[in-house]
Amino acid sequence: MEGNPQGNFARSKVYDPKVALEFFKSGGKAEKIARGSTIFAENQKAQPLLFQRDKMYLLIEGEVALQAGRKAIGTVRAGEIFGELAAIAGDKRSATAVAATDCRVIGLDDREFRKALAKQPSFALMLMSMIIGRIRDGIALLAERSRKLQTAWKEPVLFDKKQLEELATGLSDDPPVYFDRNKIIVEEGQTGTRMYVVLKGRVMVYLDGEVVEKIGPGGVFGELALVDQPTRLASVVAETDCELLPIGRNAFLAMVKTSPDFAASLLTALSERLKAVTAKLK
C-alpha cells in the first residue's frame, strides 16, 4: 500500500493472499515486531554502502498503521503486503509504518525478492497486474480532472546490448520489425497482443495527444496489455526509424518465469509509471 494513496494493493481483485504467502515464505523467514515499533519511516532510503537494504513486507499477524506527514493514511491487515513500491524502485519511503499491535511479518530485500521470483514467478504477474490497475485508475482520474501529463516518465533501460542480442536470437516468437519515422506502431484503445523491445531508434508514447515518454534502445513498451490483456493504454509513434523486437504473451510469460531480473526490471518500470501518475494526482 505504501506509495499508493488511491487504495491498498492487497485489496485488489487480483490479489491472492495464498500466492503472496508462498512467495514471501520462499524468500524469507517470519519475524516478530513489538507493538509501537517503527518498521520503516517516511523519507527513509536504504544505503547499500552501509549494508542497509529496503524491504517489502507481508503481514502474517497483527495490524500495521501507515502515516504520512503525521497523518493516518491507512491500515495494513493480516495477509496484506506493504512497502513494496519503495523496495522495488529503490525510492524514499512515502509513508511511515508502525506496528499497531504485536505483529509477525516476513520481509524481503532486493536480493531475497529476486530469489523468491525465481521460485514463484506467479507473484510477479500478480503484482504487475495490481500496479497496472492503479496506473489505469490514476490516469482515469486525471482524465476526469481534464489534466494532462506534461512531464515524461523515466523509462529504465531493461536490457543491455548483449541481452538484446540474446532476446533477438532466442526468446522472442517473432523476428524484428521495422518502422519508418513518424509511423504509428500501436494506437490507444487497440487490443494488445505484443510487447516491444526497442533494438534501434527511439519511439514516442502519446497520451491524450501529449508526449509522456520517449523510449530508446533497451527500453520496452506495450507490456501493460500483456499482463492484464485489456486495450492499449497509450499510442506509440516512431520518433526515428526504428527496429523493434515483438514479444508475444507466451514468450513474455516464459521470460517472467525464467528470468527474475527481467521480472524485477519490469516491476521497477511499472512502479516508476505509477509514481509519475500518483505525483500528478497530489
C-alpha atoms as a PDB file:
ATOM      1  CA  MET A   1       0.000   0.000   0.000  1.00  0.00           C
ATOM      2  CA  GLU A   2       2.884   2.367   0.706  1.00  0.00           C
ATOM      3  CA  GLY A   3       3.321   4.831  -2.133  1.00  0.00           C
ATOM      4  CA  ASN A   4      -0.249   4.297  -3.327  1.00  0.00           C
ATOM      5  CA  PRO A   5      -2.733   6.833  -1.952  1.00  0.00           C
ATOM      6  CA  GLN A   6      -5.549   5.592  -4.176  1.00  0.00           C
ATOM      7  CA  GLY A   7      -6.032   2.319  -2.337  1.00  0.00           C
ATOM      8  CA  ASN A   8      -4.484  -0.833  -0.970  1.00  0.00           C
ATOM      9  CA  PHE A   9      -2.785  -3.156  -3.457  1.00  0.00           C
ATOM     10  CA  ALA A  10      -3.623  -6.127  -1.265  1.00  0.00           C
ATOM     11  CA  ARG A  11      -7.344  -5.391  -1.544  1.00  0.00           C
ATOM     12  CA  SER A  12      -7.186  -5.514  -5.321  1.00  0.00           C
ATOM     13  CA  LYS A  13      -9.438  -8.040  -7.039  1.00  0.00           C
ATOM     14  CA  VAL A  14      -6.398  -9.822  -8.486  1.00  0.00           C
ATOM     15  CA  TYR A  15      -4.619 -10.187  -5.143  1.00  0.00           C
ATOM     16  CA  ASP A  16      -4.365 -13.734  -3.794  1.00  0.00           C
ATOM     17  CA  PRO A  17      -3.095 -13.951  -0.182  1.00  0.00           C
ATOM     18  CA  LYS A  18      -2.081 -17.587  -0.682  1.00  0.00           C
ATOM     19  CA  VAL A  19       0.179 -16.685  -3.622  1.00  0.00           C
ATOM     20  CA  ALA A  20       1.695 -13.855  -1.579  1.00  0.00           C
ATOM     21  CA  LEU A  21       2.351 -16.110   1.427  1.00  0.00           C
ATOM     22  CA  GLU A  22       4.060 -18.778  -0.664  1.00  0.00           C
ATOM     23  CA  PHE A  23       6.148 -16.116  -2.357  1.00  0.00           C
ATOM     24  CA  PHE A  24       7.363 -14.496   0.859  1.00  0.00           C
ATOM     25  CA  LYS A  25       7.982 -17.849   2.551  1.00  0.00           C
ATOM     26  CA  SER A  26      10.157 -18.919  -0.387  1.00  0.00           C
ATOM     27  CA  GLY A  27      12.471 -15.938   0.095  1.00  0.00           C
ATOM     28  CA  GLY A  28      12.481 -15.062   3.791  1.00  0.00           C
ATOM     29  CA  LYS A  29      11.556 -16.008   7.338  1.00  0.00           C
ATOM     30  CA  ALA A  30       8.922 -14.701   9.728  1.00  0.00           C
ATOM     31  CA  GLU A  31       9.955 -12.296  12.471  1.00  0.00           C
ATOM     32  CA  LYS A  32       8.148 -10.722  15.413  1.00  0.00           C
ATOM     33  CA  ILE A  33       7.719  -6.964  15.732  1.00  0.00           C
ATOM     34  CA  ALA A  34       6.586  -5.461  19.031  1.00  0.00           C
ATOM     35  CA  ARG A  35       3.639  -3.092  19.261  1.00  0.00           C
ATOM     36  CA  GLY A  36       4.697   0.525  18.773  1.00  0.00           C
ATOM     37  CA  SER A  37       7.821  -0.349  16.758  1.00  0.00           C
ATOM     38  CA  THR A  38       8.541   1.603  13.576  1.00  0.00           C
ATOM     39  CA  ILE A  39       9.048  -0.807  10.681  1.00  0.00           C
ATOM     40  CA  PHE A  40      10.164   1.930   8.290  1.00  0.00           C
ATOM     41  CA  ALA A  41       9.954   5.722   8.303  1.00  0.00           C
ATOM     42  CA  GLU A  42       8.740   8.283   5.785  1.00  0.00           C
ATOM     43  CA  ASN A  43      11.549   9.577   3.515  1.00  0.00           C
ATOM     44  CA  GLN A  44      13.829   6.762   4.661  1.00  0.00           C
ATOM     45  CA  LYS A  45      16.065   5.344   1.938  1.00  0.00           C
ATOM     46  CA  ALA A  46      18.377   2.357   2.044  1.00  0.00           C
ATOM     47  CA  GLN A  47      22.142   2.894   1.985  1.00  0.00           C
ATOM     48  CA  PRO A  48      23.766  -0.186   0.418  1.00  0.00           C
ATOM     49  CA  LEU A  49      27.263   1.027   1.323  1.00  0.00           C
ATOM     50  CA  LEU A  50      26.208   0.813   4.964  1.00  0.00           C
ATOM     51  CA  PHE A  51      24.651  -2.614   4.333  1.00  0.00           C
ATOM     52  CA  GLN A  52      21.149  -1.172   4.601  1.00  0.00           C
ATOM     53  CA  ARG A  53      18.588  -2.522   2.134  1.00  0.00           C
ATOM     54  CA  ASP A  54      14.937  -1.655   1.585  1.00  0.00           C
ATOM     55  CA  LYS A  55      12.429  -4.400   2.261  1.00  0.00           C
ATOM     56  CA  MET A  56       8.865  -5.169   1.284  1.00  0.00           C
ATOM     57  CA  TYR A  57       6.711  -6.932   3.839  1.00  0.00           C
ATOM     58  CA  LEU A  58       3.892  -9.427   4.207  1.00  0.00           C
ATOM     59  CA  LEU A  59       1.902  -9.063   7.414  1.00  0.00           C
ATOM     60  CA  ILE A  60       1.126 -12.516   8.817  1.00  0.00           C
ATOM     61  CA  GLU A  61      -0.418 -11.498  12.137  1.00  0.00           C
ATOM     62  CA  GLY A  62      -1.396  -8.202  13.715  1.00  0.00           C
ATOM     63  CA  GLU A  63      -2.075  -4.741  12.338  1.00  0.00           C
ATOM     64  CA  VAL A  64       0.188  -2.027  10.942  1.00  0.00           C
ATOM     65  CA  ALA A  65      -0.665   1.681  10.826  1.00  0.00           C
ATOM     66  CA  LEU A  66       0.530   3.828   7.920  1.00  0.00           C
ATOM     67  CA  GLN A  67       1.175   7.546   8.378  1.00  0.00           C
ATOM     68  CA  ALA A  68       2.312  10.345   6.073  1.00  0.00           C
ATOM     69  CA  GLY A  69       3.049  13.851   7.298  1.00  0.00           C
ATOM     70  CA  ARG A  70       1.978  12.692  10.782  1.00  0.00           C
ATOM     71  CA  LYS A  71      -1.495  11.865   9.475  1.00  0.00           C
ATOM     72  CA  ALA A  72      -3.001   8.389   9.340  1.00  0.00           C
ATOM     73  CA  ILE A  73      -3.414   7.246   5.722  1.00  0.00           C
ATOM     74  CA  GLY A  74      -4.294   3.586   6.093  1.00  0.00           C
ATOM     75  CA  THR A  75      -4.103   0.286   7.902  1.00  0.00           C
ATOM     76  CA  VAL A  76      -2.432  -2.966   6.853  1.00  0.00           C
ATOM     77  CA  ARG A  77      -4.167  -6.134   7.975  1.00  0.00           C
ATOM     78  CA  ALA A  78      -3.044  -9.741   8.171  1.00  0.00           C
ATOM     79  CA  GLY A  79      -2.460 -11.271   4.745  1.00  0.00           C
ATOM     80  CA  GLU A  80      -1.602  -7.939   3.092  1.00  0.00           C
ATOM     81  CA  ILE A  81       1.681  -6.644   1.671  1.00  0.00           C
ATOM     82  CA  PHE A  82       3.179  -3.214   2.252  1.00  0.00           C
ATOM     83  CA  GLY A  83       6.321  -1.251   1.452  1.00  0.00           C
ATOM     84  CA  GLU A  84       6.578  -2.885  -1.979  1.00  0.00           C
ATOM     85  CA  LEU A  85       6.971   0.184  -4.181  1.00  0.00           C
ATOM     86  CA  ALA A  86       9.963   1.700  -2.394  1.00  0.00           C
ATOM     87  CA  ALA A  87      11.621  -1.710  -2.231  1.00  0.00           C
ATOM     88  CA  ILE A  88      11.113  -2.350  -5.951  1.00  0.00           C
ATOM     89  CA  ALA A  89      12.032   1.115  -7.238  1.00  0.00           C
ATOM     90  CA  GLY A  90      14.671   1.964  -4.622  1.00  0.00           C
ATOM     91  CA  ASP A  91      12.949   5.265  -3.771  1.00  0.00           C
ATOM     92  CA  LYS A  92      12.466   7.006  -0.457  1.00  0.00           C
ATOM     93  CA  ARG A  93       9.632   5.703   1.665  1.00  0.00           C
ATOM     94  CA  SER A  94       6.453   7.696   1.101  1.00  0.00           C
ATOM     95  CA  ALA A  95       4.957   6.726   4.472  1.00  0.00           C
ATOM     96  CA  THR A  96       5.813   5.542   7.965  1.00  0.00           C
ATOM     97  CA  ALA A  97       4.741   2.038   9.012  1.00  0.00           C
ATOM     98  CA  VAL A  98       4.221   1.399  12.741  1.00  0.00           C
ATOM     99  CA  ALA A  99       3.127  -1.839  14.400  1.00  0.00           C
ATOM    100  CA  ALA A 100      -0.293  -1.012  15.893  1.00  0.00           C
ATOM    101  CA  THR A 101      -0.274  -4.393  17.668  1.00  0.00           C
ATOM    102  CA  ASP A 102       2.289  -7.115  18.202  1.00  0.00           C
ATOM    103  CA  CYS A 103       2.967  -8.397  14.692  1.00  0.00           C
ATOM    104  CA  ARG A 104       4.566 -11.174  12.695  1.00  0.00           C
ATOM    105  CA  VAL A 105       5.930 -10.256   9.283  1.00  0.00           C
ATOM    106  CA  ILE A 106       8.146 -11.613   6.537  1.00  0.00           C
ATOM    107  CA  GLY A 107      10.418  -9.010   4.982  1.00  0.00           C
ATOM    108  CA  LEU A 108      12.292  -9.407   1.680  1.00  0.00           C
ATOM    109  CA  ASP A 109      15.148  -7.208   0.482  1.00  0.00           C
ATOM    110  CA  ASP A 110      16.003  -6.892  -3.221  1.00  0.00           C
ATOM    111  CA  ARG A 111      18.218  -9.996  -3.259  1.00  0.00           C
ATOM    112  CA  GLU A 112      15.660 -12.115  -1.424  1.00  0.00           C
ATOM    113  CA  PHE A 113      12.940 -10.710  -3.690  1.00  0.00           C
ATOM    114  CA  ARG A 114      14.755 -11.918  -6.825  1.00  0.00           C
ATOM    115  CA  LYS A 115      15.387 -15.284  -5.195  1.00  0.00           C
ATOM    116  CA  ALA A 116      11.672 -15.627  -4.494  1.00  0.00           C
ATOM    117  CA  LEU A 117      10.764 -14.550  -8.041  1.00  0.00           C
ATOM    118  CA  ALA A 118      12.766 -17.475  -9.403  1.00  0.00           C
ATOM    119  CA  LYS A 119      10.675 -19.852  -7.297  1.00  0.00           C
ATOM    120  CA  GLN A 120       7.281 -18.156  -7.500  1.00  0.00           C
ATOM    121  CA  PRO A 121       7.000 -16.169 -10.779  1.00  0.00           C
ATOM    122  CA  SER A 122       3.207 -16.063 -10.489  1.00  0.00           C
ATOM    123  CA  PHE A 123       3.619 -13.433  -7.776  1.00  0.00           C
ATOM    124  CA  ALA A 124       5.406 -11.122 -10.233  1.00  0.00           C
ATOM    125  CA  LEU A 125       2.468 -11.330 -12.642  1.00  0.00           C
ATOM    126  CA  MET A 126       0.015 -10.691  -9.827  1.00  0.00           C
ATOM    127  CA  LEU A 127       1.974  -7.666  -8.617  1.00  0.00           C
ATOM    128  CA  MET A 128       2.279  -6.327 -12.166  1.00  0.00           C
ATOM    129  CA  SER A 129      -1.494  -6.617 -12.569  1.00  0.00           C
ATOM    130  CA  MET A 130      -2.081  -4.704  -9.341  1.00  0.00           C
ATOM    131  CA  ILE A 131       0.323  -1.909 -10.297  1.00  0.00           C
ATOM    132  CA  ILE A 132      -1.176  -1.662 -13.785  1.00  0.00           C
ATOM    133  CA  GLY A 133      -4.655  -1.450 -12.267  1.00  0.00           C
ATOM    134  CA  ARG A 134      -3.548   1.525 -10.181  1.00  0.00           C
ATOM    135  CA  ILE A 135      -1.921   3.169 -13.194  1.00  0.00           C
ATOM    136  CA  ARG A 136      -5.154   2.853 -15.151  1.00  0.00           C
ATOM    137  CA  ASP A 137      -7.216   4.152 -12.226  1.00  0.00           C
ATOM    138  CA  GLY A 138      -4.871   7.115 -11.813  1.00  0.00           C
ATOM    139  CA  ILE A 139      -4.982   8.038 -15.480  1.00  0.00           C
ATOM    140  CA  ALA A 140      -8.776   7.796 -15.431  1.00  0.00           C
ATOM    141  CA  LEU A 141      -8.853  10.265 -12.523  1.00  0.00           C
ATOM    142  CA  LEU A 142      -6.538  12.599 -14.394  1.00  0.00           C
ATOM    143  CA  ALA A 143      -8.851  12.472 -17.397  1.00  0.00           C
ATOM    144  CA  GLU A 144     -11.837  13.311 -15.188  1.00  0.00           C
ATOM    145  CA  ARG A 145      -9.984  16.371 -13.932  1.00  0.00           C
ATOM    146  CA  SER A 146      -9.073  17.330 -17.514  1.00  0.00           C
ATOM    147  CA  ARG A 147      -5.413  17.417 -16.586  1.00  0.00           C
ATOM    148  CA  LYS A 148      -2.692  16.212 -18.910  1.00  0.00           C
ATOM    149  CA  LEU A 149       0.638  14.626 -18.088  1.00  0.00           C
ATOM    150  CA  GLN A 150       3.223  17.223 -19.085  1.00  0.00           C
ATOM    151  CA  THR A 151       6.434  15.588 -17.916  1.00  0.00           C
ATOM    152  CA  ALA A 152       7.980  12.395 -19.243  1.00  0.00           C
ATOM    153  CA  TRP A 153       8.102   9.230 -17.209  1.00  0.00           C
ATOM    154  CA  LYS A 154      11.567   7.862 -16.671  1.00  0.00           C
ATOM    155  CA  GLU A 155      11.943   4.589 -18.520  1.00  0.00           C
ATOM    156  CA  PRO A 156      14.601   2.247 -17.135  1.00  0.00           C
ATOM    157  CA  VAL A 157      16.766   0.593 -19.766  1.00  0.00           C
ATOM    158  CA  LEU A 158      15.865  -3.019 -19.142  1.00  0.00           C
ATOM    159  CA  PHE A 159      18.323  -4.700 -21.491  1.00  0.00           C
ATOM    160  CA  ASP A 160      21.938  -4.038 -22.388  1.00  0.00           C
ATOM    161  CA  LYS A 161      23.371  -4.778 -25.846  1.00  0.00           C
ATOM    162  CA  LYS A 162      24.262  -8.395 -25.050  1.00  0.00           C
ATOM    163  CA  GLN A 163      20.835  -9.104 -23.600  1.00  0.00           C
ATOM    164  CA  LEU A 164      19.180  -7.549 -26.655  1.00  0.00           C
ATOM    165  CA  GLU A 165      21.139  -9.912 -28.898  1.00  0.00           C
ATOM    166  CA  GLU A 166      20.098 -12.885 -26.781  1.00  0.00           C
ATOM    167  CA  LEU A 167      16.457 -11.842 -26.946  1.00  0.00           C
ATOM    168  CA  ALA A 168      16.604 -11.394 -30.703  1.00  0.00           C
ATOM    169  CA  THR A 169      18.055 -14.879 -31.234  1.00  0.00           C
ATOM    170  CA  GLY A 170      16.246 -16.892 -28.602  1.00  0.00           C
ATOM    171  CA  LEU A 171      13.228 -15.840 -26.596  1.00  0.00           C
ATOM    172  CA  SER A 172      11.034 -13.893 -28.995  1.00  0.00           C
ATOM    173  CA  ASP A 173       8.269 -15.545 -31.016  1.00  0.00           C
ATOM    174  CA  ASP A 174       8.766 -13.181 -33.958  1.00  0.00           C
ATOM    175  CA  PRO A 175      11.601 -11.639 -35.981  1.00  0.00           C
ATOM    176  CA  PRO A 176      12.411  -7.924 -35.552  1.00  0.00           C
ATOM    177  CA  VAL A 177      10.081  -5.444 -37.248  1.00  0.00           C
ATOM    178  CA  TYR A 178      10.899  -2.045 -38.718  1.00  0.00           C
ATOM    179  CA  PHE A 179       9.023   1.254 -38.618  1.00  0.00           C
ATOM    180  CA  ASP A 180       9.868   4.431 -40.511  1.00  0.00           C
ATOM    181  CA  ARG A 181       9.987   7.764 -38.726  1.00  0.00           C
ATOM    182  CA  ASN A 182       6.536   9.124 -37.728  1.00  0.00           C
ATOM    183  CA  LYS A 183       4.799   5.784 -38.327  1.00  0.00           C
ATOM    184  CA  ILE A 184       2.178   4.710 -35.780  1.00  0.00           C
ATOM    185  CA  ILE A 185       3.216   1.487 -34.029  1.00  0.00           C
ATOM    186  CA  VAL A 186       0.277   0.992 -31.647  1.00  0.00           C
ATOM    187  CA  GLU A 187      -2.834   3.052 -31.026  1.00  0.00           C
ATOM    188  CA  GLU A 188      -4.617   3.826 -27.761  1.00  0.00           C
ATOM    189  CA  GLY A 189      -7.693   1.630 -27.409  1.00  0.00           C
ATOM    190  CA  GLN A 190      -6.423  -1.240 -29.558  1.00  0.00           C
ATOM    191  CA  THR A 191      -6.303  -4.774 -28.180  1.00  0.00           C
ATOM    192  CA  GLY A 192      -2.686  -5.562 -27.355  1.00  0.00           C
ATOM    193  CA  THR A 193      -1.151  -8.853 -28.480  1.00  0.00           C
ATOM    194  CA  ARG A 194       2.567  -7.973 -28.324  1.00  0.00           C
ATOM    195  CA  MET A 195       5.014  -6.016 -26.219  1.00  0.00           C
ATOM    196  CA  TYR A 196       8.028  -4.483 -27.947  1.00  0.00           C
ATOM    197  CA  VAL A 197      11.700  -4.133 -27.099  1.00  0.00           C
ATOM    198  CA  VAL A 198      13.443  -1.225 -28.829  1.00  0.00           C
ATOM    199  CA  LEU A 199      16.550  -2.558 -30.567  1.00  0.00           C
ATOM    200  CA  LYS A 200      17.432   0.577 -32.542  1.00  0.00           C
ATOM    201  CA  GLY A 201      15.986   4.073 -32.800  1.00  0.00           C
ATOM    202  CA  ARG A 202      13.531   5.835 -30.498  1.00  0.00           C
ATOM    203  CA  VAL A 203       9.768   5.902 -30.050  1.00  0.00           C
ATOM    204  CA  MET A 204       7.382   8.424 -28.502  1.00  0.00           C
ATOM    205  CA  VAL A 205       4.474   7.472 -26.238  1.00  0.00           C
ATOM    206  CA  TYR A 206       1.360   9.654 -26.521  1.00  0.00           C
ATOM    207  CA  LEU A 207      -1.497  10.010 -24.065  1.00  0.00           C
ATOM    208  CA  ASP A 208      -4.378  12.339 -24.910  1.00  0.00           C
ATOM    209  CA  GLY A 209      -2.243  13.923 -27.605  1.00  0.00           C
ATOM    210  CA  GLU A 210       0.676  14.666 -25.280  1.00  0.00           C
ATOM    211  CA  VAL A 211       4.111  13.023 -25.400  1.00  0.00           C
ATOM    212  CA  VAL A 212       4.553  11.411 -21.989  1.00  0.00           C
ATOM    213  CA  GLU A 213       7.553   9.201 -22.646  1.00  0.00           C
ATOM    214  CA  LYS A 214      10.409   8.574 -25.067  1.00  0.00           C
ATOM    215  CA  ILE A 215      11.962   5.108 -25.243  1.00  0.00           C
ATOM    216  CA  GLY A 216      15.289   4.197 -26.808  1.00  0.00           C
ATOM    217  CA  PRO A 217      17.364   1.008 -27.233  1.00  0.00           C
ATOM    218  CA  GLY A 218      16.931  -1.401 -24.338  1.00  0.00           C
ATOM    219  CA  GLY A 219      13.552   0.005 -23.332  1.00  0.00           C
ATOM    220  CA  VAL A 220      10.172  -1.675 -23.669  1.00  0.00           C
ATOM    221  CA  PHE A 221       6.574  -0.681 -24.274  1.00  0.00           C
ATOM    222  CA  GLY A 222       3.265  -2.468 -24.580  1.00  0.00           C
ATOM    223  CA  GLU A 223       3.887  -4.776 -21.621  1.00  0.00           C
ATOM    224  CA  LEU A 224       0.849  -3.468 -19.736  1.00  0.00           C
ATOM    225  CA  ALA A 225      -1.513  -5.032 -22.263  1.00  0.00           C
ATOM    226  CA  LEU A 226       0.215  -8.413 -21.984  1.00  0.00           C
ATOM    227  CA  VAL A 227      -0.143  -8.619 -18.215  1.00  0.00           C
ATOM    228  CA  ASP A 228      -3.845  -7.914 -17.824  1.00  0.00           C
ATOM    229  CA  GLN A 229      -4.799  -8.175 -21.519  1.00  0.00           C
ATOM    230  CA  PRO A 230      -7.066  -5.138 -21.943  1.00  0.00           C
ATOM    231  CA  THR A 231      -6.799  -2.447 -24.590  1.00  0.00           C
ATOM    232  CA  ARG A 232      -3.728  -0.309 -25.194  1.00  0.00           C
ATOM    233  CA  LEU A 233      -3.332   2.477 -22.659  1.00  0.00           C
ATOM    234  CA  ALA A 234      -1.457   4.856 -24.993  1.00  0.00           C
ATOM    235  CA  SER A 235      -0.367   5.372 -28.597  1.00  0.00           C
ATOM    236  CA  VAL A 236       3.236   4.873 -29.709  1.00  0.00           C
ATOM    237  CA  VAL A 237       4.837   6.552 -32.731  1.00  0.00           C
ATOM    238  CA  ALA A 238       8.322   6.112 -34.205  1.00  0.00           C
ATOM    239  CA  GLU A 239      10.333   9.248 -33.478  1.00  0.00           C
ATOM    240  CA  THR A 240      13.141   7.934 -35.704  1.00  0.00           C
ATOM    241  CA  ASP A 241      13.488   4.936 -37.989  1.00  0.00           C
ATOM    242  CA  CYS A 242      13.177   2.013 -35.573  1.00  0.00           C
ATOM    243  CA  GLU A 243      13.937  -1.663 -35.230  1.00  0.00           C
ATOM    244  CA  LEU A 244      11.708  -3.374 -32.673  1.00  0.00           C
ATOM    245  CA  LEU A 245      11.513  -6.891 -31.272  1.00  0.00           C
ATOM    246  CA  PRO A 246       7.905  -8.086 -30.790  1.00  0.00           C
ATOM    247  CA  ILE A 247       7.289 -10.447 -27.879  1.00  0.00           C
ATOM    248  CA  GLY A 248       4.011 -12.349 -27.628  1.00  0.00           C
ATOM    249  CA  ARG A 249       2.269 -13.331 -24.402  1.00  0.00           C
ATOM    250  CA  ASN A 250       3.631 -16.891 -24.293  1.00  0.00           C
ATOM    251  CA  ALA A 251       7.215 -15.706 -24.683  1.00  0.00           C
ATOM    252  CA  PHE A 252       6.583 -12.909 -22.174  1.00  0.00           C
ATOM    253  CA  LEU A 253       5.319 -15.364 -19.575  1.00  0.00           C
ATOM    254  CA  ALA A 254       8.312 -17.627 -20.227  1.00  0.00           C
ATOM    255  CA  MET A 255      10.687 -14.698 -19.658  1.00  0.00           C
ATOM    256  CA  VAL A 256       8.988 -13.764 -16.384  1.00  0.00           C
ATOM    257  CA  LYS A 257       9.233 -17.370 -15.200  1.00  0.00           C
ATOM    258  CA  THR A 258      12.857 -17.961 -16.247  1.00  0.00           C
ATOM    259  CA  SER A 259      14.426 -14.564 -15.539  1.00  0.00           C
ATOM    260  CA  PRO A 260      13.910 -12.957 -12.119  1.00  0.00           C
ATOM    261  CA  ASP A 261      15.970  -9.965 -13.290  1.00  0.00           C
ATOM    262  CA  PHE A 262      13.609  -9.396 -16.222  1.00  0.00           C
ATOM    263  CA  ALA A 263      10.573  -9.575 -13.934  1.00  0.00           C
ATOM    264  CA  ALA A 264      12.185  -7.268 -11.371  1.00  0.00           C
ATOM    265  CA  SER A 265      13.124  -4.742 -14.074  1.00  0.00           C
ATOM    266  CA  LEU A 266       9.586  -4.678 -15.427  1.00  0.00           C
ATOM    267  CA  LEU A 267       8.205  -4.171 -11.932  1.00  0.00           C
ATOM    268  CA  THR A 268      10.619  -1.261 -11.486  1.00  0.00           C
ATOM    269  CA  ALA A 269       9.444   0.305 -14.752  1.00  0.00           C
ATOM    270  CA  LEU A 270       5.799  -0.076 -13.761  1.00  0.00           C
ATOM    271  CA  SER A 271       6.490   1.392 -10.319  1.00  0.00           C
ATOM    272  CA  GLU A 272       8.081   4.447 -11.938  1.00  0.00           C
ATOM    273  CA  ARG A 273       4.996   4.907 -14.098  1.00  0.00           C
ATOM    274  CA  LEU A 274       2.687   4.615 -11.114  1.00  0.00           C
ATOM    275  CA  LYS A 275       4.807   7.120  -9.207  1.00  0.00           C
ATOM    276  CA  ALA A 276       4.570   9.615 -12.079  1.00  0.00           C
ATOM    277  CA  VAL A 277       0.793   9.290 -12.266  1.00  0.00           C
ATOM    278  CA  THR A 278       0.402   9.489  -8.474  1.00  0.00           C
ATOM    279  CA  ALA A 279       2.523  12.652  -8.359  1.00  0.00           C
ATOM    280  CA  LYS A 280       0.123  14.301 -10.810  1.00  0.00           C
ATOM    281  CA  LEU A 281      -2.835  13.402  -8.611  1.00  0.00           C
ATOM    282  CA  LYS A 282      -1.427  15.051  -5.490  1.00  0.00           C
END
